[in-house]
Amino acid sequence: MTACPANLFAPTADGGILFNYEQCFECGTCYMVCNGENAIRWTYPDGGQGVVFRRG
């Protein structure tokens, strides 16, 4: 999937797609691109996990 800004999706030999989630920015681009296909289940993590945005 070329929409991922971190380039975390890669094709597999059997025609599937591998997602290397460890480096994910949690930007939601994959969800916006593929949501019409219901191809991705994506939810925000519980509080205290994932990316934290702070002002100051």
PDB file of N, CA and C in Angstrom:
ATOM      1  N   MET A   1       0.857  -1.175   0.000  1.00  0.00           N
ATOM      2  CA  MET A   1       0.000   0.000   0.000  1.00  0.00           C
ATOM      3  C   MET A   1       0.895   1.227   0.000  1.00  0.00           C
ATOM      4  N   THR A   2       0.786   2.008  -1.008  1.00  0.00           N
ATOM      5  CA  THR A   2       1.696   3.146  -1.158  1.00  0.00           C
ATOM      6  C   THR A   2       1.261   4.382  -0.387  1.00  0.00           C
ATOM      7  N   ALA A   3       0.083   4.383   0.203  1.00  0.00           N
ATOM      8  CA  ALA A   3      -0.392   5.561   0.935  1.00  0.00           C
ATOM      9  C   ALA A   3       0.259   5.702   2.305  1.00  0.00           C
ATOM     10  N   CYS A   4       0.808   4.642   2.845  1.00  0.00           N
ATOM     11  CA  CYS A   4       1.394   4.670   4.188  1.00  0.00           C
ATOM     12  C   CYS A   4       2.642   5.552   4.197  1.00  0.00           C
ATOM     13  N   PRO A   5       2.666   6.629   5.007  1.00  0.00           N
ATOM     14  CA  PRO A   5       3.835   7.509   5.025  1.00  0.00           C
ATOM     15  C   PRO A   5       5.084   6.840   5.594  1.00  0.00           C
ATOM     16  N   ALA A   6       4.911   5.766   6.363  1.00  0.00           N
ATOM     17  CA  ALA A   6       6.058   5.053   6.924  1.00  0.00           C
ATOM     18  C   ALA A   6       6.443   3.834   6.088  1.00  0.00           C
ATOM     19  N   ASN A   7       5.695   3.572   5.009  1.00  0.00           N
ATOM     20  CA  ASN A   7       5.966   2.444   4.109  1.00  0.00           C
ATOM     21  C   ASN A   7       6.010   1.118   4.865  1.00  0.00           C
ATOM     22  N   LEU A   8       4.960   0.841   5.650  1.00  0.00           N
ATOM     23  CA  LEU A   8       4.943  -0.334   6.514  1.00  0.00           C
ATOM     24  C   LEU A   8       4.220  -1.539   5.932  1.00  0.00           C
ATOM     25  N   PHE A   9       3.653  -1.430   4.755  1.00  0.00           N
ATOM     26  CA  PHE A   9       2.939  -2.544   4.140  1.00  0.00           C
ATOM     27  C   PHE A   9       3.807  -3.168   3.059  1.00  0.00           C
ATOM     28  N   ALA A  10       3.852  -4.505   3.026  1.00  0.00           N
ATOM     29  CA  ALA A  10       4.655  -5.210   2.021  1.00  0.00           C
ATOM     30  C   ALA A  10       3.882  -6.426   1.526  1.00  0.00           C
ATOM     31  N   PRO A  11       3.949  -6.709   0.224  1.00  0.00           N
ATOM     32  CA  PRO A  11       3.273  -7.899  -0.300  1.00  0.00           C
ATOM     33  C   PRO A  11       3.996  -9.169   0.156  1.00  0.00           C
ATOM     34  N   THR A  12       3.220 -10.243   0.335  1.00  0.00           N
ATOM     35  CA  THR A  12       3.796 -11.537   0.688  1.00  0.00           C
ATOM     36  C   THR A  12       3.773 -12.445  -0.535  1.00  0.00           C
ATOM     37  N   ALA A  13       4.509 -13.531  -0.481  1.00  0.00           N
ATOM     38  CA  ALA A  13       4.608 -14.462  -1.611  1.00  0.00           C
ATOM     39  C   ALA A  13       3.266 -15.101  -1.957  1.00  0.00           C
ATOM     40  N   ASP A  14       2.380 -15.241  -0.965  1.00  0.00           N
ATOM     41  CA  ASP A  14       1.087 -15.884  -1.219  1.00  0.00           C
ATOM     42  C   ASP A  14      -0.008 -14.895  -1.613  1.00  0.00           C
ATOM     43  N   GLY A  15       0.361 -13.653  -1.901  1.00  0.00           N
ATOM     44  CA  GLY A  15      -0.605 -12.653  -2.352  1.00  0.00           C
ATOM     45  C   GLY A  15      -1.230 -11.828  -1.245  1.00  0.00           C
ATOM     46  N   GLY A  16      -0.802 -12.037  -0.016  1.00  0.00           N
ATOM     47  CA  GLY A  16      -1.315 -11.266   1.108  1.00  0.00           C
ATOM     48  C   GLY A  16      -0.529  -9.978   1.306  1.00  0.00           C
ATOM     49  N   ILE A  17      -0.815  -9.332   2.414  1.00  0.00           N
ATOM     50  CA  ILE A  17      -0.115  -8.091   2.752  1.00  0.00           C
ATOM     51  C   ILE A  17       0.390  -8.201   4.180  1.00  0.00           C
ATOM     52  N   LEU A  18       1.646  -7.897   4.382  1.00  0.00           N
ATOM     53  CA  LEU A  18       2.257  -7.891   5.700  1.00  0.00           C
ATOM     54  C   LEU A  18       2.305  -6.455   6.203  1.00  0.00           C
ATOM     55  N   PHE A  19       1.863  -6.239   7.451  1.00  0.00           N
ATOM     56  CA  PHE A  19       1.881  -4.908   8.060  1.00  0.00           C
ATOM     57  C   PHE A  19       2.896  -4.907   9.190  1.00  0.00           C
ATOM     58  N   ASN A  20       3.927  -4.132   9.075  1.00  0.00           N
ATOM     59  CA  ASN A  20       4.965  -4.013  10.100  1.00  0.00           C
ATOM     60  C   ASN A  20       4.563  -2.919  11.090  1.00  0.00           C
ATOM     61  N   TYR A  21       3.685  -3.265  12.009  1.00  0.00           N
ATOM     62  CA  TYR A  21       3.044  -2.296  12.898  1.00  0.00           C
ATOM     63  C   TYR A  21       3.985  -1.651  13.908  1.00  0.00           C
ATOM     64  N   GLU A  22       5.146  -2.224  14.141  1.00  0.00           N
ATOM     65  CA  GLU A  22       6.039  -1.717  15.183  1.00  0.00           C
ATOM     66  C   GLU A  22       6.453  -0.267  14.963  1.00  0.00           C
ATOM     67  N   GLN A  23       6.533   0.179  13.721  1.00  0.00           N
ATOM     68  CA  GLN A  23       6.962   1.541  13.414  1.00  0.00           C
ATOM     69  C   GLN A  23       5.798   2.458  13.025  1.00  0.00           C
ATOM     70  N   CYS A  24       4.579   2.023  13.267  1.00  0.00           N
ATOM     71  CA  CYS A  24       3.388   2.768  12.842  1.00  0.00           C
ATOM     72  C   CYS A  24       3.283   4.122  13.553  1.00  0.00           C
ATOM     73  N   PHE A  25       2.952   5.158  12.784  1.00  0.00           N
ATOM     74  CA  PHE A  25       2.753   6.504  13.337  1.00  0.00           C
ATOM     75  C   PHE A  25       1.362   6.669  13.939  1.00  0.00           C
ATOM     76  N   GLU A  26       0.450   5.719  13.660  1.00  0.00           N
ATOM     77  CA  GLU A  26      -0.956   5.802  14.053  1.00  0.00           C
ATOM     78  C   GLU A  26      -1.619   7.032  13.450  1.00  0.00           C
ATOM     79  N   CYS A  27      -1.263   7.345  12.212  1.00  0.00           N
ATOM     80  CA  CYS A  27      -1.827   8.515  11.539  1.00  0.00           C
ATOM     81  C   CYS A  27      -3.216   8.240  10.971  1.00  0.00           C
ATOM     82  N   GLY A  28      -3.537   6.961  10.717  1.00  0.00           N
ATOM     83  CA  GLY A  28      -4.853   6.606  10.198  1.00  0.00           C
ATOM     84  C   GLY A  28      -4.981   6.662   8.685  1.00  0.00           C
ATOM     85  N   THR A  29      -3.892   6.919   7.967  1.00  0.00           N
ATOM     86  CA  THR A  29      -3.957   6.992   6.507  1.00  0.00           C
ATOM     87  C   THR A  29      -4.467   5.689   5.917  1.00  0.00           C
ATOM     88  N   CYS A  30      -3.986   4.553   6.398  1.00  0.00           N
ATOM     89  CA  CYS A  30      -4.423   3.259   5.870  1.00  0.00           C
ATOM     90  C   CYS A  30      -5.924   3.078   6.061  1.00  0.00           C
ATOM     91  N   TYR A  31      -6.434   3.517   7.183  1.00  0.00           N
ATOM     92  CA  TYR A  31      -7.865   3.408   7.453  1.00  0.00           C
ATOM     93  C   TYR A  31      -8.662   4.277   6.485  1.00  0.00           C
ATOM     94  N   MET A  32      -8.211   5.493   6.248  1.00  0.00           N
ATOM     95  CA  MET A  32      -8.927   6.387   5.334  1.00  0.00           C
ATOM     96  C   MET A  32      -8.906   5.861   3.906  1.00  0.00           C
ATOM     97  N   VAL A  33      -7.794   5.281   3.484  1.00  0.00           N
ATOM     98  CA  VAL A  33      -7.670   4.782   2.119  1.00  0.00           C
ATOM     99  C   VAL A  33      -8.479   3.500   1.914  1.00  0.00           C
ATOM    100  N   CYS A  34      -8.477   2.608   2.877  1.00  0.00           N
ATOM    101  CA  CYS A  34      -9.088   1.279   2.704  1.00  0.00           C
ATOM    102  C   CYS A  34     -10.432   1.109   3.392  1.00  0.00           C
ATOM    103  N   ASN A  35     -10.951   2.113   4.052  1.00  0.00           N
ATOM    104  CA  ASN A  35     -12.168   1.945   4.837  1.00  0.00           C
ATOM    105  C   ASN A  35     -13.358   1.506   3.994  1.00  0.00           C
ATOM    106  N   GLY A  36     -13.473   1.969   2.769  1.00  0.00           N
ATOM    107  CA  GLY A  36     -14.590   1.574   1.914  1.00  0.00           C
ATOM    108  C   GLY A  36     -14.598   0.088   1.613  1.00  0.00           C
ATOM    109  N   GLU A  37     -13.459  -0.542   1.711  1.00  0.00           N
ATOM    110  CA  GLU A  37     -13.327  -1.976   1.458  1.00  0.00           C
ATOM    111  C   GLU A  37     -13.502  -2.797   2.737  1.00  0.00           C
ATOM    112  N   ASN A  38     -13.605  -2.139   3.885  1.00  0.00           N
ATOM    113  CA  ASN A  38     -13.621  -2.818   5.187  1.00  0.00           C
ATOM    114  C   ASN A  38     -12.427  -3.754   5.333  1.00  0.00           C
ATOM    115  N   ALA A  39     -11.294  -3.338   4.816  1.00  0.00           N
ATOM    116  CA  ALA A  39     -10.092  -4.167   4.814  1.00  0.00           C
ATOM    117  C   ALA A  39      -9.281  -4.033   6.094  1.00  0.00           C
ATOM    118  N   ILE A  40      -9.493  -2.953   6.837  1.00  0.00           N
ATOM    119  CA  ILE A  40      -8.668  -2.697   8.013  1.00  0.00           C
ATOM    120  C   ILE A  40      -9.553  -2.425   9.220  1.00  0.00           C
ATOM    121  N   ARG A  41      -9.253  -3.114  10.314  1.00  0.00           N
ATOM    122  CA  ARG A  41      -9.887  -2.794  11.599  1.00  0.00           C
ATOM    123  C   ARG A  41      -8.874  -1.945  12.354  1.00  0.00           C
ATOM    124  N   TRP A  42      -9.213  -0.712  12.601  1.00  0.00           N
ATOM    125  CA  TRP A  42      -8.270   0.226  13.202  1.00  0.00           C
ATOM    126  C   TRP A  42      -8.984   0.979  14.306  1.00  0.00           C
ATOM    127  N   THR A  43      -8.410   0.983  15.501  1.00  0.00           N
ATOM    128  CA  THR A  43      -8.966   1.736  16.623  1.00  0.00           C
ATOM    129  C   THR A  43      -7.821   2.461  17.332  1.00  0.00           C
ATOM    130  N   TYR A  44      -8.178   3.533  17.991  1.00  0.00           N
ATOM    131  CA  TYR A  44      -7.184   4.229  18.795  1.00  0.00           C
ATOM    132  C   TYR A  44      -6.819   3.362  19.994  1.00  0.00           C
ATOM    133  N   PRO A  45      -5.558   3.378  20.424  1.00  0.00           N
ATOM    134  CA  PRO A  45      -5.172   2.599  21.602  1.00  0.00           C
ATOM    135  C   PRO A  45      -5.762   3.218  22.864  1.00  0.00           C
ATOM    136  N   ASP A  46      -5.822   2.412  23.925  1.00  0.00           N
ATOM    137  CA  ASP A  46      -6.263   2.929  25.216  1.00  0.00           C
ATOM    138  C   ASP A  46      -5.313   4.029  25.667  1.00  0.00           C
ATOM    139  N   GLY A  47      -5.791   4.892  26.542  1.00  0.00           N
ATOM    140  CA  GLY A  47      -4.963   5.976  27.051  1.00  0.00           C
ATOM    141  C   GLY A  47      -3.662   5.475  27.653  1.00  0.00           C
ATOM    142  N   GLY A  48      -2.611   6.260  27.491  1.00  0.00           N
ATOM    143  CA  GLY A  48      -1.314   5.888  28.034  1.00  0.00           C
ATOM    144  C   GLY A  48      -0.459   5.070  27.085  1.00  0.00           C
ATOM    145  N   GLN A  49      -0.979   4.791  25.883  1.00  0.00           N
ATOM    146  CA  GLN A  49      -0.235   4.018  24.892  1.00  0.00           C
ATOM    147  C   GLN A  49      -0.201   4.789  23.582  1.00  0.00           C
ATOM    148  N   GLY A  50       0.703   4.421  22.706  1.00  0.00           N
ATOM    149  CA  GLY A  50       0.736   5.014  21.375  1.00  0.00           C
ATOM    150  C   GLY A  50       1.369   6.394  21.371  1.00  0.00           C
ATOM    151  N   VAL A  51       1.061   7.141  20.333  1.00  0.00           N
ATOM    152  CA  VAL A  51       1.624   8.471  20.137  1.00  0.00           C
ATOM    153  C   VAL A  51       0.941   9.462  21.074  1.00  0.00           C
ATOM    154  N   VAL A  52       1.715  10.318  21.712  1.00  0.00           N
ATOM    155  CA  VAL A  52       1.178  11.342  22.599  1.00  0.00           C
ATOM    156  C   VAL A  52       1.525  12.706  22.003  1.00  0.00           C
ATOM    157  N   PHE A  53       0.510  13.523  21.769  1.00  0.00           N
ATOM    158  CA  PHE A  53       0.723  14.876  21.261  1.00  0.00           C
ATOM    159  C   PHE A  53       0.602  15.846  22.424  1.00  0.00           C
ATOM    160  N   ARG A  54       1.569  16.729  22.574  1.00  0.00           N
ATOM    161  CA  ARG A  54       1.559  17.690  23.680  1.00  0.00           C
ATOM    162  C   ARG A  54       1.785  19.082  23.140  1.00  0.00           C
ATOM    163  N   ARG A  55       1.176  20.025  23.802  1.00  0.00           N
ATOM    164  CA  ARG A  55       1.386  21.434  23.455  1.00  0.00           C
ATOM    165  C   ARG A  55       2.184  22.079  24.569  1.00  0.00           C
ATOM    166  N   GLY A  56       3.012  23.038  24.197  1.00  0.00           N
ATOM    167  CA  GLY A  56       3.700  23.722  25.267  1.00  0.00           C
ATOM    168  C   GLY A  56       5.061  24.161  24.990  1.00  0.00           C
TER     169      GLY A  56
END
